Amino acid sequence: GKHIEGLRAFIAPYSAAAVADVVGVPAETIRELAHAFSSAERAAVHMSTGVNMGRQGTLCYWLLQMLSFVTGNLDAPGGNFYGEGFYPAAKAGRVQQEQPFFDSPFGELRHVRGALPGNLFPDMVLDAERPLRALIVLAGNPVLSAGGEPRWREALSQLELLVVIDLVRNATGEHAHYLLPSTDMLERADINICGLGMQYEPYVQYTPAVVPPAGERREEWWILARLQHAMGMPSLLDAEPPAPFARLDRMLARSGLSIAELAARPDGVAVLPPPAQGRFYTELVQTPDRRVDCCPPLFAEALSQARAIFDELRAAPPRFRLINLRTPFMQNSWYHNIPKLKRGRHAHNPLHLSPEDMAALGLAEGDPVHVESAHGRLLASAHGDRSLRPGVVAMTHGWGNAGSTGLRVARAHPGVNVNALLPTGPGSYEKLSNQAFMTGVPVSVSAAN
């Protein structure tokens, strides 16, 4: 590796004793875990959306990889390895690393896989000089899924054109000039691509449509192609016949497969060999000199901010931190309109607190509570949750459908939009990844009576 000295300099101030109070884990426990991991014959470490959605998700993931690297567990049997699925795409990392920042009215920005920070969208629409004027939403619901609901509603009301492609009219669709019905998962052919690279034994499956589309539903690619055609732009409809799976066919070709070949199989499935280990350092590292960059210069600003955040938390730790909560009864802002999933405490989204915090606040199950952050305030009901430690509270997001006239069941069980407590606008996202800050939010909690 290279820039090892930068990695050492960054972690030096953060001994177990120094961080114990801030992270809420005893120093001895941290030392025991560090010793167990480093002395194990083989060890693997994983993190996902919970940490990624915090203020330092990229640095956390970088440190995870460095932990695996310096302990000899990266690209080793029993440790962490690079998964490719049916489409080897390691070179995309080099393209992303070289993506530069550029100046904008909202500060320095960079494209991440072609995208800009969603938390800046309302600011871009409401910009006095060069406002964004149109938006197409595909199966999304940013009004309830992003921070700053009032500002999102204001921004959407100012658009000259809002097209929403979905199965239902959700909270965002209420603002649409055009709501276009798309096919659902049983009405279209599909291929599993979302888990690409996340399977130890990679497989790919093609599934044909099971039933014809209801009413005037159309596949998303067709809707977008028709819009392009109407604007005089090239589209998939220029080909005869159209080939919406052409790119996927090119991807599959990297593994010697094709849509036609998969479709001819009885179950549409091809199981691929597990990723070959021992190739990471010779074939997959994308730095020009093929050495692992242990402290990329691109991280310089984030490393400085990390120290400031740590000092802030040590000097004035928040009484409560709000984290994400997921349940089988809710997936983002979906499942709202399914009657069977609106039962008992799952008919709304209570604030989950530890039993210790319930007692300290004098709360009983179901009592109303005020939850307030620097960005908003809401009224919720209290629910005791033994899985939480004191000082941590949690709520499911995507609720708040009181005004969603297209969702009868959801409107009867609206819940509250926890994202009203989240920041929005410049400074509310991580610059390296463009990920919005959505967890670990400092809040205060008090009985509503």
Protein backbone atom coordinates (compact mmCIF):
# COMPACT_ATOMS: atom_id res chain seq x y z
CA GLY A 1 0.00 0.00 0.00
CA LYS A 2 0.88 3.68 -0.15
CA HIS A 3 0.09 6.72 2.00
CA ILE A 4 0.24 4.45 5.06
CA GLU A 5 1.65 7.38 7.03
CA GLY A 6 -1.53 9.36 6.33
CA LEU A 7 -3.68 6.52 7.66
CA ARG A 8 -1.54 6.24 10.79
CA ALA A 9 -1.65 9.99 11.38
CA PHE A 10 -5.44 10.02 11.07
CA ILE A 11 -6.14 7.17 13.51
CA ALA A 12 -3.45 8.13 16.05
CA PRO A 13 -5.65 10.42 18.21
CA TYR A 14 -8.48 7.89 18.39
CA SER A 15 -7.32 5.39 20.99
CA ALA A 16 -9.87 3.18 22.73
CA ALA A 17 -9.75 5.41 25.80
CA ALA A 18 -10.20 8.57 23.73
CA VAL A 19 -13.29 7.38 21.85
CA ALA A 20 -15.05 5.27 24.49
CA ASP A 21 -17.31 7.98 25.89
CA VAL A 22 -18.15 9.40 22.46
CA VAL A 23 -19.14 6.08 20.89
CA GLY A 24 -20.71 4.66 24.05
CA VAL A 25 -18.61 1.48 24.14
CA PRO A 26 -16.23 0.77 27.07
CA ALA A 27 -12.55 1.08 26.18
CA GLU A 28 -11.84 -2.46 27.35
CA THR A 29 -14.54 -3.83 25.05
CA ILE A 30 -13.00 -1.94 22.12
CA ARG A 31 -9.55 -3.36 22.94
CA GLU A 32 -10.89 -6.90 23.27
CA LEU A 33 -12.64 -6.67 19.92
CA ALA A 34 -9.57 -5.20 18.23
CA HIS A 35 -7.37 -7.97 19.63
CA ALA A 36 -9.84 -10.70 18.67
CA PHE A 37 -10.09 -9.40 15.10
CA SER A 38 -6.38 -8.87 14.56
CA SER A 39 -5.35 -12.20 16.09
CA ALA A 40 -8.00 -14.35 14.40
CA GLU A 41 -6.81 -16.77 11.75
CA ARG A 42 -9.36 -15.14 9.44
CA ALA A 43 -11.92 -12.39 10.02
CA ALA A 44 -14.37 -10.40 7.93
CA VAL A 45 -16.13 -7.11 8.64
CA HIS A 46 -19.22 -5.61 6.99
CA MET A 47 -21.26 -2.42 7.14
CA SER A 48 -24.20 -1.17 5.12
CA THR A 49 -26.86 1.52 4.89
CA GLY A 50 -27.11 2.31 8.60
CA VAL A 51 -23.57 3.68 8.82
CA ASN A 52 -23.46 4.89 5.22
CA MET A 53 -26.29 7.33 5.93
CA GLY A 54 -24.40 9.11 8.71
CA ARG A 55 -22.23 12.18 8.45
CA GLN A 56 -19.07 10.17 7.70
CA GLY A 57 -20.24 7.16 5.74
CA THR A 58 -17.40 7.20 3.20
CA LEU A 59 -14.70 7.44 5.87
CA CYS A 60 -16.31 4.62 7.83
CA TYR A 61 -16.35 2.38 4.79
CA TRP A 62 -12.75 3.32 3.96
CA LEU A 63 -11.66 2.43 7.51
CA LEU A 64 -13.52 -0.87 7.24
CA GLN A 65 -11.50 -1.72 4.14
CA MET A 66 -8.28 -0.58 5.81
CA LEU A 67 -9.03 -2.79 8.83
CA SER A 68 -9.36 -5.76 6.50
CA PHE A 69 -6.22 -4.72 4.57
CA VAL A 70 -3.82 -4.14 7.46
CA THR A 71 -4.86 -7.37 9.23
CA GLY A 72 -4.24 -9.45 6.10
CA ASN A 73 -7.91 -10.32 5.62
CA LEU A 74 -8.49 -8.51 2.33
CA ASP A 75 -8.75 -10.89 -0.62
CA ALA A 76 -8.03 -13.88 1.61
CA PRO A 77 -10.19 -16.98 2.24
CA GLY A 78 -12.45 -16.27 5.20
CA GLY A 79 -11.93 -12.52 4.92
CA ASN A 80 -13.33 -9.75 2.74
CA PHE A 81 -13.15 -10.07 -1.03
CA TYR A 82 -14.32 -8.19 -4.09
CA GLY A 83 -17.55 -9.57 -5.57
CA GLU A 84 -18.26 -9.10 -9.26
CA GLY A 85 -21.48 -10.93 -10.06
CA PHE A 86 -22.04 -11.46 -13.77
CA TYR A 87 -20.52 -8.10 -14.74
CA PRO A 88 -16.91 -7.37 -13.74
CA ALA A 89 -16.76 -3.59 -13.35
CA ALA A 90 -13.75 -2.74 -11.17
CA LYS A 91 -12.61 -0.07 -13.64
CA ALA A 92 -15.59 2.08 -12.69
CA GLY A 93 -13.74 2.84 -9.44
CA ARG A 94 -10.96 4.61 -11.31
CA VAL A 95 -13.44 6.77 -13.22
CA GLN A 96 -15.18 7.77 -9.99
CA GLN A 97 -11.95 8.57 -8.14
CA GLU A 98 -10.94 10.91 -10.95
CA GLN A 99 -14.31 12.71 -10.87
CA PRO A 100 -13.42 16.32 -9.97
CA PHE A 101 -15.26 18.81 -7.81
CA PHE A 102 -16.67 21.90 -9.48
CA ASP A 103 -17.98 25.21 -8.18
CA SER A 104 -21.72 25.87 -8.02
CA PRO A 105 -24.05 28.41 -6.36
CA PHE A 106 -24.43 25.81 -3.59
CA GLY A 107 -20.73 25.16 -2.95
CA GLU A 108 -18.34 22.56 -4.32
CA LEU A 109 -20.06 19.59 -5.97
CA ARG A 110 -19.10 16.41 -7.76
CA HIS A 111 -21.03 13.87 -9.77
CA VAL A 112 -21.26 10.43 -8.17
CA ARG A 113 -22.26 7.91 -10.84
CA GLY A 114 -23.79 10.81 -12.75
CA ALA A 115 -25.85 12.08 -9.81
CA LEU A 116 -25.82 15.26 -7.71
CA PRO A 117 -26.95 15.56 -4.06
CA GLY A 118 -30.71 15.08 -3.78
CA ASN A 119 -30.70 17.34 -0.72
CA LEU A 120 -29.89 20.27 -3.00
CA PHE A 121 -32.83 19.75 -5.33
CA PRO A 122 -35.20 22.23 -3.62
CA ASP A 123 -32.43 24.85 -3.61
CA MET A 124 -31.80 24.26 -7.31
CA VAL A 125 -35.49 24.72 -8.14
CA LEU A 126 -35.88 27.81 -5.96
CA ASP A 127 -32.64 29.40 -7.20
CA ALA A 128 -33.42 32.94 -8.37
CA GLU A 129 -30.94 33.03 -11.25
CA ARG A 130 -30.98 29.59 -12.91
CA PRO A 131 -33.82 27.51 -11.46
CA LEU A 132 -34.40 23.92 -12.48
CA ARG A 133 -37.70 23.77 -14.31
CA ALA A 134 -38.61 20.11 -14.80
CA LEU A 135 -38.32 16.76 -13.03
CA ILE A 136 -39.16 13.15 -13.86
CA VAL A 137 -39.63 10.83 -10.86
CA LEU A 138 -39.48 7.04 -11.33
CA ALA A 139 -41.07 5.07 -8.49
CA GLY A 140 -39.77 7.60 -5.98
CA ASN A 141 -41.31 9.69 -3.23
CA PRO A 142 -38.84 12.42 -2.26
CA VAL A 143 -41.49 14.49 -0.48
CA LEU A 144 -41.50 11.87 2.29
CA SER A 145 -38.14 10.17 1.70
CA ALA A 146 -35.84 13.21 1.88
CA GLY A 147 -35.26 15.78 4.59
CA GLY A 148 -37.14 19.08 4.51
CA GLU A 149 -40.68 18.14 3.42
CA PRO A 150 -42.02 21.75 3.41
CA ARG A 151 -39.17 22.91 1.18
CA TRP A 152 -39.65 19.96 -1.18
CA ARG A 153 -43.36 20.76 -1.50
CA GLU A 154 -42.56 24.40 -2.21
CA ALA A 155 -40.00 23.42 -4.85
CA LEU A 156 -42.30 20.94 -6.60
CA SER A 157 -45.05 23.55 -6.75
CA GLN A 158 -42.66 25.87 -8.63
CA LEU A 159 -41.72 23.38 -11.35
CA GLU A 160 -43.00 24.01 -14.85
CA LEU A 161 -43.21 20.26 -15.41
CA LEU A 162 -43.32 17.34 -12.97
CA VAL A 163 -43.81 13.86 -14.42
CA VAL A 164 -44.23 10.97 -11.96
CA ILE A 165 -44.04 7.38 -13.23
CA ASP A 166 -45.47 5.00 -10.63
CA LEU A 167 -48.13 2.46 -9.72
CA VAL A 168 -50.00 4.80 -7.38
CA ARG A 169 -50.41 8.51 -6.67
CA ASN A 170 -48.19 9.01 -3.64
CA ALA A 171 -47.34 12.21 -1.77
CA THR A 172 -44.97 13.32 -4.53
CA GLY A 173 -47.48 12.35 -7.21
CA GLU A 174 -49.97 14.77 -5.64
CA HIS A 175 -47.85 17.56 -7.14
CA ALA A 176 -47.46 15.98 -10.60
CA HIS A 177 -48.61 17.60 -13.82
CA TYR A 178 -48.60 14.12 -15.36
CA LEU A 179 -48.89 10.84 -13.46
CA LEU A 180 -48.05 7.98 -15.81
CA PRO A 181 -48.87 4.37 -14.83
CA SER A 182 -45.99 1.89 -15.06
CA THR A 183 -46.03 -1.87 -15.15
CA ASP A 184 -45.49 -3.75 -11.91
CA MET A 185 -43.05 -6.58 -11.19
CA LEU A 186 -45.37 -9.26 -12.61
CA GLU A 187 -46.23 -7.36 -15.78
CA ARG A 188 -42.73 -6.96 -17.22
CA ALA A 189 -39.69 -9.06 -18.02
CA ASP A 190 -36.81 -8.50 -15.62
CA ILE A 191 -33.33 -9.54 -14.57
CA ASN A 192 -31.84 -9.40 -11.07
CA ILE A 193 -29.19 -6.69 -11.12
CA CYS A 194 -29.64 -4.92 -7.77
CA GLY A 195 -27.58 -7.51 -5.87
CA LEU A 196 -24.78 -7.50 -8.43
CA GLY A 197 -21.50 -8.27 -6.70
CA MET A 198 -23.11 -9.07 -3.34
CA GLN A 199 -23.40 -12.83 -3.74
CA TYR A 200 -20.76 -15.33 -2.69
CA GLU A 201 -22.07 -17.72 -5.33
CA PRO A 202 -23.15 -15.32 -8.10
CA TYR A 203 -26.27 -16.08 -10.06
CA VAL A 204 -28.38 -14.25 -12.59
CA GLN A 205 -32.04 -14.87 -13.35
CA TYR A 206 -34.25 -13.74 -16.19
CA THR A 207 -37.98 -13.67 -15.44
CA PRO A 208 -40.58 -13.13 -18.19
CA ALA A 209 -43.79 -11.22 -17.61
CA VAL A 210 -46.39 -13.34 -15.79
CA VAL A 211 -49.52 -11.38 -16.71
CA PRO A 212 -50.30 -8.69 -19.32
CA PRO A 213 -50.21 -5.05 -18.14
CA ALA A 214 -53.45 -3.80 -16.59
CA GLY A 215 -55.19 -0.87 -18.22
CA GLU A 216 -52.79 1.50 -19.96
CA ARG A 217 -49.72 0.64 -17.91
CA ARG A 218 -46.44 0.79 -19.82
CA GLU A 219 -42.87 -0.17 -18.98
CA GLU A 220 -40.69 2.69 -17.77
CA TRP A 221 -38.25 2.40 -20.69
CA TRP A 222 -41.15 2.85 -23.14
CA ILE A 223 -42.49 5.90 -21.33
CA LEU A 224 -39.07 7.56 -21.24
CA ALA A 225 -38.42 6.67 -24.88
CA ARG A 226 -41.74 8.24 -25.92
CA LEU A 227 -40.84 11.42 -24.04
CA GLN A 228 -37.46 11.49 -25.80
CA HIS A 229 -39.16 10.88 -29.13
CA ALA A 230 -41.58 13.76 -28.54
CA MET A 231 -38.61 16.04 -27.77
CA GLY A 232 -36.86 15.09 -31.00
CA MET A 233 -34.16 13.15 -29.18
CA PRO A 234 -32.76 9.70 -30.03
CA SER A 235 -34.57 6.93 -28.17
CA LEU A 236 -34.91 3.17 -27.90
CA LEU A 237 -37.95 3.42 -30.16
CA ASP A 238 -35.71 4.38 -33.08
CA ALA A 239 -34.70 0.72 -33.44
CA GLU A 240 -36.99 -1.84 -35.02
CA PRO A 241 -37.75 -3.74 -32.95
CA PRO A 242 -36.76 -1.77 -29.81
CA ALA A 243 -34.09 -3.46 -27.69
CA PRO A 244 -34.56 -2.37 -24.06
CA PHE A 245 -32.29 -5.19 -22.85
CA ALA A 246 -29.41 -4.34 -25.20
CA ARG A 247 -27.15 -2.96 -22.48
CA LEU A 248 -27.91 -5.87 -20.17
CA ASP A 249 -27.03 -8.22 -23.00
CA ARG A 250 -23.65 -6.51 -23.32
CA MET A 251 -23.14 -6.86 -19.57
CA LEU A 252 -24.10 -10.53 -19.62
CA ALA A 253 -21.68 -11.15 -22.47
CA ARG A 254 -18.83 -10.51 -19.99
CA SER A 255 -19.85 -13.82 -18.38
CA GLY A 256 -20.64 -15.62 -21.64
CA LEU A 257 -24.40 -15.21 -21.24
CA SER A 258 -27.30 -13.49 -23.01
CA ILE A 259 -30.96 -12.73 -22.37
CA ALA A 260 -31.98 -15.25 -25.03
CA GLU A 261 -29.81 -17.96 -23.49
CA LEU A 262 -31.22 -17.32 -20.01
CA ALA A 263 -34.80 -17.21 -21.32
CA ALA A 264 -34.30 -20.63 -22.91
CA ARG A 265 -33.47 -22.21 -19.53
CA PRO A 266 -36.38 -23.80 -17.64
CA ASP A 267 -35.91 -21.53 -14.62
CA GLY A 268 -34.07 -18.67 -16.36
CA VAL A 269 -31.16 -19.05 -13.92
CA ALA A 270 -27.41 -19.28 -14.50
CA VAL A 271 -25.19 -19.96 -11.48
CA LEU A 272 -21.65 -18.64 -11.87
CA PRO A 273 -18.46 -19.76 -10.11
CA PRO A 274 -17.54 -17.94 -6.88
CA PRO A 275 -15.15 -15.02 -7.39
CA ALA A 276 -11.56 -16.18 -7.71
CA GLN A 277 -9.52 -14.88 -4.78
CA GLY A 278 -5.91 -13.78 -5.07
CA ARG A 279 -6.61 -11.41 -8.00
CA PHE A 280 -7.34 -8.24 -6.07
CA TYR A 281 -3.86 -6.76 -5.87
CA THR A 282 -2.79 -7.81 -9.37
CA GLU A 283 -5.96 -7.23 -11.41
CA LEU A 284 -8.56 -5.21 -9.52
CA VAL A 285 -6.76 -2.34 -7.74
CA GLN A 286 -7.36 0.69 -9.96
CA THR A 287 -4.62 3.09 -8.87
CA PRO A 288 -2.07 3.77 -11.66
CA ASP A 289 0.72 2.03 -9.72
CA ARG A 290 -1.54 -0.88 -8.64
CA ARG A 291 -0.93 -0.11 -4.95
CA VAL A 292 -3.72 0.25 -2.42
CA ASP A 293 -4.11 3.93 -1.56
CA CYS A 294 -4.50 3.89 2.23
CA CYS A 295 -5.22 7.62 2.53
CA PRO A 296 -6.35 9.18 -0.78
CA PRO A 297 -5.70 12.94 -1.14
CA LEU A 298 -9.38 13.22 -2.11
CA PHE A 299 -10.20 12.54 1.57
CA ALA A 300 -8.21 15.48 2.97
CA GLU A 301 -11.19 17.74 3.71
CA ALA A 302 -13.28 14.87 5.10
CA LEU A 303 -10.46 13.84 7.46
CA SER A 304 -10.27 17.37 8.82
CA GLN A 305 -14.04 17.47 9.29
CA ALA A 306 -13.93 14.13 11.11
CA ARG A 307 -11.78 15.66 13.83
CA ALA A 308 -14.15 18.61 14.15
CA ILE A 309 -17.16 16.29 14.43
CA PHE A 310 -15.40 14.19 17.07
CA ASP A 311 -14.49 17.27 19.12
CA GLU A 312 -18.07 18.51 18.84
CA LEU A 313 -19.52 15.21 20.11
CA ARG A 314 -16.99 14.98 22.94
CA ALA A 315 -17.63 18.56 24.09
CA ALA A 316 -21.43 18.47 23.94
CA PRO A 317 -22.85 14.96 23.46
CA PRO A 318 -26.53 15.07 22.49
CA ARG A 319 -29.05 13.68 24.99
CA PHE A 320 -30.60 11.55 22.25
CA ARG A 321 -29.54 10.41 18.80
CA LEU A 322 -32.16 9.48 16.23
CA ILE A 323 -31.30 6.48 14.04
CA ASN A 324 -33.04 4.69 11.17
CA LEU A 325 -35.46 1.87 11.81
CA ARG A 326 -36.59 -0.77 9.35
CA THR A 327 -39.38 -3.30 9.80
CA PRO A 328 -40.98 -5.97 7.56
CA PHE A 329 -44.11 -3.79 7.59
CA MET A 330 -42.54 -0.88 5.71
CA GLN A 331 -40.05 -0.54 2.84
CA ASN A 332 -39.07 3.11 2.39
CA SER A 333 -42.44 4.73 1.59
CA TRP A 334 -43.96 1.58 0.06
CA TYR A 335 -46.44 -0.86 1.67
CA HIS A 336 -48.48 2.05 3.02
CA ASN A 337 -51.62 1.07 1.18
CA ILE A 338 -51.69 -2.62 2.16
CA PRO A 339 -54.40 -3.17 4.82
CA LYS A 340 -52.84 -6.37 6.26
CA LEU A 341 -49.65 -4.46 7.12
CA LYS A 342 -51.49 -1.81 9.14
CA ARG A 343 -52.13 -3.72 12.35
CA GLY A 344 -51.39 -2.98 15.99
CA ARG A 345 -48.40 -0.71 16.54
CA HIS A 346 -47.51 -1.13 12.86
CA ALA A 347 -50.58 0.93 11.97
CA HIS A 348 -48.43 3.99 12.68
CA ASN A 349 -44.76 4.77 13.29
CA PRO A 350 -44.06 5.32 16.99
CA LEU A 351 -40.83 6.62 18.44
CA HIS A 352 -38.84 3.66 19.77
CA LEU A 353 -37.03 4.31 23.08
CA SER A 354 -35.10 2.10 25.48
CA PRO A 355 -37.01 1.07 28.65
CA GLU A 356 -34.51 3.12 30.68
CA ASP A 357 -35.32 6.27 28.71
CA MET A 358 -39.06 5.56 28.92
CA ALA A 359 -38.76 5.44 32.71
CA ALA A 360 -36.52 8.52 32.93
CA LEU A 361 -39.02 10.56 30.90
CA GLY A 362 -42.02 9.20 32.83
CA LEU A 363 -43.50 7.66 29.70
CA ALA A 364 -45.91 4.75 29.39
CA GLU A 365 -46.48 2.74 26.22
CA GLY A 366 -48.32 4.86 23.66
CA ASP A 367 -47.87 8.19 25.44
CA PRO A 368 -47.51 11.22 23.14
CA VAL A 369 -44.02 12.70 22.87
CA HIS A 370 -42.48 15.73 21.23
CA VAL A 371 -39.34 15.04 19.19
CA GLU A 372 -37.32 18.07 18.13
CA SER A 373 -34.11 18.68 16.19
CA ALA A 374 -32.42 21.78 14.87
CA HIS A 375 -34.42 21.27 11.68
CA GLY A 376 -37.96 20.41 12.76
CA ARG A 377 -40.40 19.17 15.37
CA LEU A 378 -43.04 16.44 15.41
CA LEU A 379 -45.52 14.69 17.68
CA ALA A 380 -45.25 10.91 17.96
CA SER A 381 -46.24 8.12 20.34
CA ALA A 382 -43.75 6.31 22.57
CA HIS A 383 -42.88 2.63 22.22
CA GLY A 384 -40.50 0.76 24.53
CA ASP A 385 -37.83 -1.19 22.66
CA ARG A 386 -35.33 -3.37 24.56
CA SER A 387 -33.07 -3.60 21.50
CA LEU A 388 -32.09 0.07 21.91
CA ARG A 389 -29.52 1.34 24.36
CA PRO A 390 -30.23 4.47 26.43
CA GLY A 391 -29.76 7.69 24.48
CA VAL A 392 -30.75 6.18 21.13
CA VAL A 393 -34.23 6.59 19.62
CA ALA A 394 -35.52 5.28 16.31
CA MET A 395 -38.42 5.74 13.89
CA THR A 396 -39.36 4.28 10.52
CA HIS A 397 -39.36 6.78 7.68
CA GLY A 398 -41.62 7.36 4.67
CA TRP A 399 -44.78 8.01 6.71
CA GLY A 400 -46.90 11.17 6.71
CA ASN A 401 -49.68 10.45 4.21
CA ALA A 402 -52.43 12.62 5.65
CA GLY A 403 -52.67 14.50 2.34
CA SER A 404 -52.16 11.54 -0.01
CA THR A 405 -55.60 11.36 -1.62
CA GLY A 406 -54.52 8.55 -3.94
CA LEU A 407 -53.80 6.16 -1.05
CA ARG A 408 -56.98 5.32 0.88
CA VAL A 409 -55.45 2.95 3.47
CA ALA A 410 -52.32 5.05 3.94
CA ARG A 411 -54.39 8.17 4.46
CA ALA A 412 -56.35 6.39 7.20
CA HIS A 413 -53.05 5.47 8.91
CA PRO A 414 -50.85 8.46 8.01
CA GLY A 415 -48.23 8.34 10.75
CA VAL A 416 -45.72 11.19 10.94
CA ASN A 417 -42.85 12.09 8.65
CA VAL A 418 -39.69 11.59 10.71
CA ASN A 419 -37.67 13.17 7.92
CA ALA A 420 -39.03 16.51 9.10
CA LEU A 421 -36.23 16.23 11.67
CA LEU A 422 -33.49 15.87 9.06
CA PRO A 423 -31.32 18.62 7.57
CA THR A 424 -31.63 19.76 3.97
CA GLY A 425 -29.78 22.11 1.63
CA PRO A 426 -26.05 22.92 1.51
CA GLY A 427 -24.06 21.20 4.25
CA SER A 428 -26.68 18.48 4.79
CA TYR A 429 -24.90 15.74 2.86
CA GLU A 430 -21.48 14.13 2.63
CA LYS A 431 -19.49 15.75 -0.18
CA LEU A 432 -17.58 12.61 -1.18
CA SER A 433 -20.65 10.45 -1.78
CA ASN A 434 -23.52 13.00 -2.00
CA GLN A 435 -25.32 10.87 0.61
CA ALA A 436 -27.77 12.85 2.74
CA PHE A 437 -27.31 12.82 6.52
CA MET A 438 -30.16 10.59 7.72
CA THR A 439 -29.00 8.89 10.91
CA GLY A 440 -27.33 9.83 14.18
CA VAL A 441 -29.31 13.09 14.23
CA PRO A 442 -29.22 14.90 17.61
CA VAL A 443 -32.76 15.31 18.98
CA SER A 444 -34.54 16.16 22.20
CA VAL A 445 -37.48 14.11 23.46
CA SER A 446 -40.10 15.20 25.98
CA ALA A 447 -43.53 14.09 27.15
CA ALA A 448 -46.24 15.94 25.23
CA ASN A 449 -48.49 16.41 28.26
